Amino acid sequence: MTYISSFEPIADPHAKILILGSMPGNASLIASQYYAHKQNAFWRIMSELLQFELNSPYEVKTQMLKSARIALWDVLKSCKRVGSLDSNILPNSQTVNNFQNFFQQHQFISKVCFNGSKAENCFNRYFAKMIHGSSKQFIRLPSTSPANASIPYEEKLKAWQAAINSHYSQAISSKASAK
């Protein structure tokens, strides 16, 4: 079994929200694109929240994230895994991405959203000190993976909508009260 590696982050320097997955699945690794599996709900959710066509080219989708000040990355830099399931990641094979450096370069990030429990658990395992006392908000959202079929799409959409839209609602109300 060989190591697999994640992608570089998609991030604008002024990003305010960071969405973290665990490790790209096989379809994503083959396509060299985040969330490339046709049944993964990530891009469907983002297209509804950010108002772009679901069938847009990947470059358009990633540009929409950047324009919305949303960054996208994975907790793990590399690992060994059979198949695409997070549960198949070998714990002793995990290496993590450099979040200290990432947050220094993206100082406006105030909310970190985990795309499922594996991303949250891995981040907490390696970066618990970073979370403790942080001014950032950390929130686990339902995984958009097709393996998470027990949660209906509408419920996933509602949770993601609350997390993403609440950030922008707070920013708008903060600007209004500053006037």
C-alpha atoms as a PDB file:
ATOM      1  CA  MET A   1       0.000   0.000   0.000  1.00  0.00           C
ATOM      2  CA  THR A   2       1.450   3.360  -1.029  1.00  0.00           C
ATOM      3  CA  TYR A   3       0.946   6.803   0.437  1.00  0.00           C
ATOM      4  CA  ILE A   4      -1.637   9.125  -1.064  1.00  0.00           C
ATOM      5  CA  SER A   5      -1.323  12.893  -0.834  1.00  0.00           C
ATOM      6  CA  SER A   6      -3.799  15.733  -0.593  1.00  0.00           C
ATOM      7  CA  PHE A   7      -3.949  18.826  -2.777  1.00  0.00           C
ATOM      8  CA  GLU A   8      -2.732  22.352  -2.251  1.00  0.00           C
ATOM      9  CA  PRO A   9      -5.297  24.593  -0.573  1.00  0.00           C
ATOM     10  CA  ILE A  10      -7.731  26.674  -2.551  1.00  0.00           C
ATOM     11  CA  ALA A  11      -7.524  29.985  -0.753  1.00  0.00           C
ATOM     12  CA  ASP A  12      -7.653  33.700  -1.297  1.00  0.00           C
ATOM     13  CA  PRO A  13      -5.341  35.653   1.052  1.00  0.00           C
ATOM     14  CA  HIS A  14      -8.441  37.372   2.456  1.00  0.00           C
ATOM     15  CA  ALA A  15     -10.377  34.148   3.147  1.00  0.00           C
ATOM     16  CA  LYS A  16     -12.606  34.272   6.209  1.00  0.00           C
ATOM     17  CA  ILE A  17     -13.866  30.678   6.324  1.00  0.00           C
ATOM     18  CA  LEU A  18     -11.779  27.521   5.992  1.00  0.00           C
ATOM     19  CA  ILE A  19     -13.508  24.259   5.072  1.00  0.00           C
ATOM     20  CA  LEU A  20     -11.460  21.194   5.964  1.00  0.00           C
ATOM     21  CA  GLY A  21     -11.874  17.670   4.692  1.00  0.00           C
ATOM     22  CA  SER A  22      -9.767  14.721   5.770  1.00  0.00           C
ATOM     23  CA  MET A  23      -8.178  13.345   2.554  1.00  0.00           C
ATOM     24  CA  PRO A  24      -9.460  13.358  -1.044  1.00  0.00           C
ATOM     25  CA  GLY A  25     -11.243  10.195  -2.124  1.00  0.00           C
ATOM     26  CA  ASN A  26     -10.113   8.105  -5.071  1.00  0.00           C
ATOM     27  CA  ALA A  27     -12.339   9.919  -7.605  1.00  0.00           C
ATOM     28  CA  SER A  28     -10.883  13.250  -6.477  1.00  0.00           C
ATOM     29  CA  LEU A  29      -7.317  11.945  -6.587  1.00  0.00           C
ATOM     30  CA  ILE A  30      -7.844  10.645 -10.145  1.00  0.00           C
ATOM     31  CA  ALA A  31      -9.430  13.937 -11.284  1.00  0.00           C
ATOM     32  CA  SER A  32      -7.012  16.116  -9.241  1.00  0.00           C
ATOM     33  CA  GLN A  33     -10.043  18.038  -7.993  1.00  0.00           C
ATOM     34  CA  TYR A  34     -11.626  18.453  -4.590  1.00  0.00           C
ATOM     35  CA  TYR A  35     -14.913  16.563  -4.202  1.00  0.00           C
ATOM     36  CA  ALA A  36     -14.913  15.020  -7.691  1.00  0.00           C
ATOM     37  CA  HIS A  37     -17.128  12.048  -6.800  1.00  0.00           C
ATOM     38  CA  LYS A  38     -20.430  12.633  -8.611  1.00  0.00           C
ATOM     39  CA  GLN A  39     -22.478  11.695  -5.542  1.00  0.00           C
ATOM     40  CA  ASN A  40     -20.576  13.908  -3.103  1.00  0.00           C
ATOM     41  CA  ALA A  41     -22.889  16.777  -2.127  1.00  0.00           C
ATOM     42  CA  PHE A  42     -20.161  19.391  -1.543  1.00  0.00           C
ATOM     43  CA  TRP A  43     -20.388  21.214  -4.885  1.00  0.00           C
ATOM     44  CA  ARG A  44     -24.166  20.868  -4.964  1.00  0.00           C
ATOM     45  CA  ILE A  45     -24.352  22.589  -1.567  1.00  0.00           C
ATOM     46  CA  MET A  46     -21.837  25.276  -2.531  1.00  0.00           C
ATOM     47  CA  SER A  47     -23.667  25.964  -5.799  1.00  0.00           C
ATOM     48  CA  GLU A  48     -26.880  26.604  -3.853  1.00  0.00           C
ATOM     49  CA  LEU A  49     -25.210  28.736  -1.188  1.00  0.00           C
ATOM     50  CA  LEU A  50     -23.027  30.772  -3.537  1.00  0.00           C
ATOM     51  CA  GLN A  51     -25.491  30.874  -6.463  1.00  0.00           C
ATOM     52  CA  PHE A  52     -23.500  29.321  -9.295  1.00  0.00           C
ATOM     53  CA  GLU A  53     -24.331  26.584 -11.796  1.00  0.00           C
ATOM     54  CA  LEU A  54     -23.563  23.121 -10.446  1.00  0.00           C
ATOM     55  CA  ASN A  55     -22.261  22.036 -13.858  1.00  0.00           C
ATOM     56  CA  SER A  56     -19.777  24.913 -14.038  1.00  0.00           C
ATOM     57  CA  PRO A  57     -16.159  24.014 -14.793  1.00  0.00           C
ATOM     58  CA  TYR A  58     -14.017  23.235 -11.755  1.00  0.00           C
ATOM     59  CA  GLU A  59     -12.061  26.490 -12.185  1.00  0.00           C
ATOM     60  CA  VAL A  60     -15.312  28.485 -11.952  1.00  0.00           C
ATOM     61  CA  LYS A  61     -16.354  26.600  -8.812  1.00  0.00           C
ATOM     62  CA  THR A  62     -13.030  27.236  -7.092  1.00  0.00           C
ATOM     63  CA  GLN A  63     -13.107  30.890  -8.137  1.00  0.00           C
ATOM     64  CA  MET A  64     -16.590  31.198  -6.604  1.00  0.00           C
ATOM     65  CA  LEU A  65     -15.200  29.877  -3.309  1.00  0.00           C
ATOM     66  CA  LYS A  66     -12.349  32.390  -3.414  1.00  0.00           C
ATOM     67  CA  SER A  67     -14.736  35.236  -4.281  1.00  0.00           C
ATOM     68  CA  ALA A  68     -16.865  34.283  -1.286  1.00  0.00           C
ATOM     69  CA  ARG A  69     -13.722  34.323   0.900  1.00  0.00           C
ATOM     70  CA  ILE A  70     -13.972  30.574   1.509  1.00  0.00           C
ATOM     71  CA  ALA A  71     -10.783  28.482   1.605  1.00  0.00           C
ATOM     72  CA  LEU A  72     -10.716  24.729   1.068  1.00  0.00           C
ATOM     73  CA  TRP A  73      -8.102  22.231   2.229  1.00  0.00           C
ATOM     74  CA  ASP A  74      -7.599  18.880   3.943  1.00  0.00           C
ATOM     75  CA  VAL A  75      -6.276  18.148   7.411  1.00  0.00           C
ATOM     76  CA  LEU A  76      -4.075  15.314   6.205  1.00  0.00           C
ATOM     77  CA  LYS A  77      -1.149  15.917   3.902  1.00  0.00           C
ATOM     78  CA  SER A  78      -0.622  12.207   3.273  1.00  0.00           C
ATOM     79  CA  CYS A  79      -1.663   8.807   4.546  1.00  0.00           C
ATOM     80  CA  LYS A  80      -2.168   5.196   3.592  1.00  0.00           C
ATOM     81  CA  ARG A  81      -5.726   4.133   2.833  1.00  0.00           C
ATOM     82  CA  VAL A  82      -7.461   1.321   0.994  1.00  0.00           C
ATOM     83  CA  GLY A  83     -10.359   2.697  -1.023  1.00  0.00           C
ATOM     84  CA  SER A  84     -11.919   6.077  -0.297  1.00  0.00           C
ATOM     85  CA  LEU A  85     -13.454   5.660   3.151  1.00  0.00           C
ATOM     86  CA  ASP A  86     -12.049   7.752   6.002  1.00  0.00           C
ATOM     87  CA  SER A  87     -12.436   4.740   8.270  1.00  0.00           C
ATOM     88  CA  ASN A  88      -9.795   2.954   6.159  1.00  0.00           C
ATOM     89  CA  ILE A  89      -7.085   5.556   6.814  1.00  0.00           C
ATOM     90  CA  LEU A  90      -4.258   3.897   8.727  1.00  0.00           C
ATOM     91  CA  PRO A  91      -3.758   6.051  11.861  1.00  0.00           C
ATOM     92  CA  ASN A  92       0.012   5.539  12.064  1.00  0.00           C
ATOM     93  CA  SER A  93       0.461   6.619   8.440  1.00  0.00           C
ATOM     94  CA  GLN A  94      -0.978  10.119   8.830  1.00  0.00           C
ATOM     95  CA  THR A  95       1.001  13.287   8.243  1.00  0.00           C
ATOM     96  CA  VAL A  96      -0.764  16.624   8.563  1.00  0.00           C
ATOM     97  CA  ASN A  97      -0.683  19.868   6.657  1.00  0.00           C
ATOM     98  CA  ASN A  98       1.076  22.920   8.122  1.00  0.00           C
ATOM     99  CA  PHE A  99      -1.785  24.867   9.683  1.00  0.00           C
ATOM    100  CA  GLN A 100       0.387  27.187  11.702  1.00  0.00           C
ATOM    101  CA  ASN A 101       1.898  28.509   8.484  1.00  0.00           C
ATOM    102  CA  PHE A 102      -1.486  28.518   6.729  1.00  0.00           C
ATOM    103  CA  PHE A 103      -3.151  30.602   9.443  1.00  0.00           C
ATOM    104  CA  GLN A 104      -0.218  33.030   9.447  1.00  0.00           C
ATOM    105  CA  GLN A 105      -0.709  33.522   5.716  1.00  0.00           C
ATOM    106  CA  HIS A 106      -4.519  33.700   6.004  1.00  0.00           C
ATOM    107  CA  GLN A 107      -5.017  35.869   9.069  1.00  0.00           C
ATOM    108  CA  PHE A 108      -8.630  36.774   8.323  1.00  0.00           C
ATOM    109  CA  ILE A 109      -9.947  33.231   8.834  1.00  0.00           C
ATOM    110  CA  SER A 110     -12.297  33.330  11.788  1.00  0.00           C
ATOM    111  CA  LYS A 111     -14.309  30.153  11.186  1.00  0.00           C
ATOM    112  CA  VAL A 112     -13.123  26.616  10.473  1.00  0.00           C
ATOM    113  CA  CYS A 113     -15.760  24.179   9.228  1.00  0.00           C
ATOM    114  CA  PHE A 114     -14.984  20.478   9.272  1.00  0.00           C
ATOM    115  CA  ASN A 115     -16.555  18.421   6.502  1.00  0.00           C
ATOM    116  CA  GLY A 116     -17.388  15.480   8.762  1.00  0.00           C
ATOM    117  CA  SER A 117     -16.088  13.931  11.952  1.00  0.00           C
ATOM    118  CA  LYS A 118     -12.847  12.450  10.566  1.00  0.00           C
ATOM    119  CA  ALA A 119     -11.563  15.885   9.568  1.00  0.00           C
ATOM    120  CA  GLU A 120     -12.508  17.288  12.975  1.00  0.00           C
ATOM    121  CA  ASN A 121     -11.001  14.369  14.902  1.00  0.00           C
ATOM    122  CA  CYS A 122      -7.716  14.477  12.973  1.00  0.00           C
ATOM    123  CA  PHE A 123      -7.435  18.237  13.397  1.00  0.00           C
ATOM    124  CA  ASN A 124      -8.166  18.017  17.116  1.00  0.00           C
ATOM    125  CA  ARG A 125      -5.686  15.165  17.537  1.00  0.00           C
ATOM    126  CA  TYR A 126      -2.803  17.115  16.048  1.00  0.00           C
ATOM    127  CA  PHE A 127      -3.785  20.705  16.751  1.00  0.00           C
ATOM    128  CA  ALA A 128      -5.650  20.710  20.077  1.00  0.00           C
ATOM    129  CA  LYS A 129      -3.350  23.437  21.371  1.00  0.00           C
ATOM    130  CA  MET A 130      -4.213  25.592  18.388  1.00  0.00           C
ATOM    131  CA  ILE A 131      -7.925  25.308  19.181  1.00  0.00           C
ATOM    132  CA  HIS A 132      -7.576  25.982  22.911  1.00  0.00           C
ATOM    133  CA  GLY A 133      -7.907  29.715  23.460  1.00  0.00           C
ATOM    134  CA  SER A 134      -8.301  30.462  19.749  1.00  0.00           C
ATOM    135  CA  SER A 135     -10.571  33.284  18.667  1.00  0.00           C
ATOM    136  CA  LYS A 136     -11.577  31.163  15.678  1.00  0.00           C
ATOM    137  CA  GLN A 137     -14.883  29.328  15.675  1.00  0.00           C
ATOM    138  CA  PHE A 138     -14.607  25.588  14.967  1.00  0.00           C
ATOM    139  CA  ILE A 139     -17.692  23.728  13.773  1.00  0.00           C
ATOM    140  CA  ARG A 140     -18.263  20.194  12.525  1.00  0.00           C
ATOM    141  CA  LEU A 141     -20.723  19.900   9.672  1.00  0.00           C
ATOM    142  CA  PRO A 142     -22.325  16.747   8.298  1.00  0.00           C
ATOM    143  CA  SER A 143     -20.027  15.067   5.814  1.00  0.00           C
ATOM    144  CA  THR A 144     -20.964  15.654   2.191  1.00  0.00           C
ATOM    145  CA  SER A 145     -19.612  12.199   1.324  1.00  0.00           C
ATOM    146  CA  PRO A 146     -21.957   9.696  -0.310  1.00  0.00           C
ATOM    147  CA  ALA A 147     -20.898   7.321   2.493  1.00  0.00           C
ATOM    148  CA  ASN A 148     -22.862   9.613   4.843  1.00  0.00           C
ATOM    149  CA  ALA A 149     -26.206   8.579   3.334  1.00  0.00           C
ATOM    150  CA  SER A 150     -27.997   8.393   6.689  1.00  0.00           C
ATOM    151  CA  ILE A 151     -28.375  12.190   6.676  1.00  0.00           C
ATOM    152  CA  PRO A 152     -30.719  13.459   3.938  1.00  0.00           C
ATOM    153  CA  TYR A 153     -29.399  16.095   1.537  1.00  0.00           C
ATOM    154  CA  GLU A 154     -31.865  18.731   2.793  1.00  0.00           C
ATOM    155  CA  GLU A 155     -30.560  18.311   6.351  1.00  0.00           C
ATOM    156  CA  LYS A 156     -26.951  18.614   5.175  1.00  0.00           C
ATOM    157  CA  LEU A 157     -27.829  21.732   3.172  1.00  0.00           C
ATOM    158  CA  LYS A 158     -29.546  23.327   6.156  1.00  0.00           C
ATOM    159  CA  ALA A 159     -26.537  22.734   8.437  1.00  0.00           C
ATOM    160  CA  TRP A 160     -24.043  24.042   5.868  1.00  0.00           C
ATOM    161  CA  GLN A 161     -26.283  27.005   5.107  1.00  0.00           C
ATOM    162  CA  ALA A 162     -26.499  27.919   8.790  1.00  0.00           C
ATOM    163  CA  ALA A 163     -22.709  27.736   9.207  1.00  0.00           C
ATOM    164  CA  ILE A 164     -21.774  29.634   6.049  1.00  0.00           C
ATOM    165  CA  ASN A 165     -24.580  32.193   6.034  1.00  0.00           C
ATOM    166  CA  SER A 166     -24.286  32.936   9.764  1.00  0.00           C
ATOM    167  CA  HIS A 167     -20.737  34.082   9.158  1.00  0.00           C
ATOM    168  CA  TYR A 168     -21.846  36.570   6.528  1.00  0.00           C
ATOM    169  CA  SER A 169     -24.870  37.661   8.565  1.00  0.00           C
ATOM    170  CA  GLN A 170     -22.567  38.467  11.493  1.00  0.00           C
ATOM    171  CA  ALA A 171     -20.206  40.396   9.229  1.00  0.00           C
ATOM    172  CA  ILE A 172     -23.079  42.429   7.765  1.00  0.00           C
ATOM    173  CA  SER A 173     -24.544  43.221  11.202  1.00  0.00           C
ATOM    174  CA  SER A 174     -21.067  44.162  12.519  1.00  0.00           C
ATOM    175  CA  LYS A 175     -20.627  46.615   9.618  1.00  0.00           C
ATOM    176  CA  ALA A 176     -24.107  48.057  10.210  1.00  0.00           C
ATOM    177  CA  SER A 177     -23.501  48.582  13.939  1.00  0.00           C
ATOM    178  CA  ALA A 178     -20.116  50.200  13.226  1.00  0.00           C
ATOM    179  CA  LYS A 179     -21.821  52.961  11.227  1.00  0.00           C
END
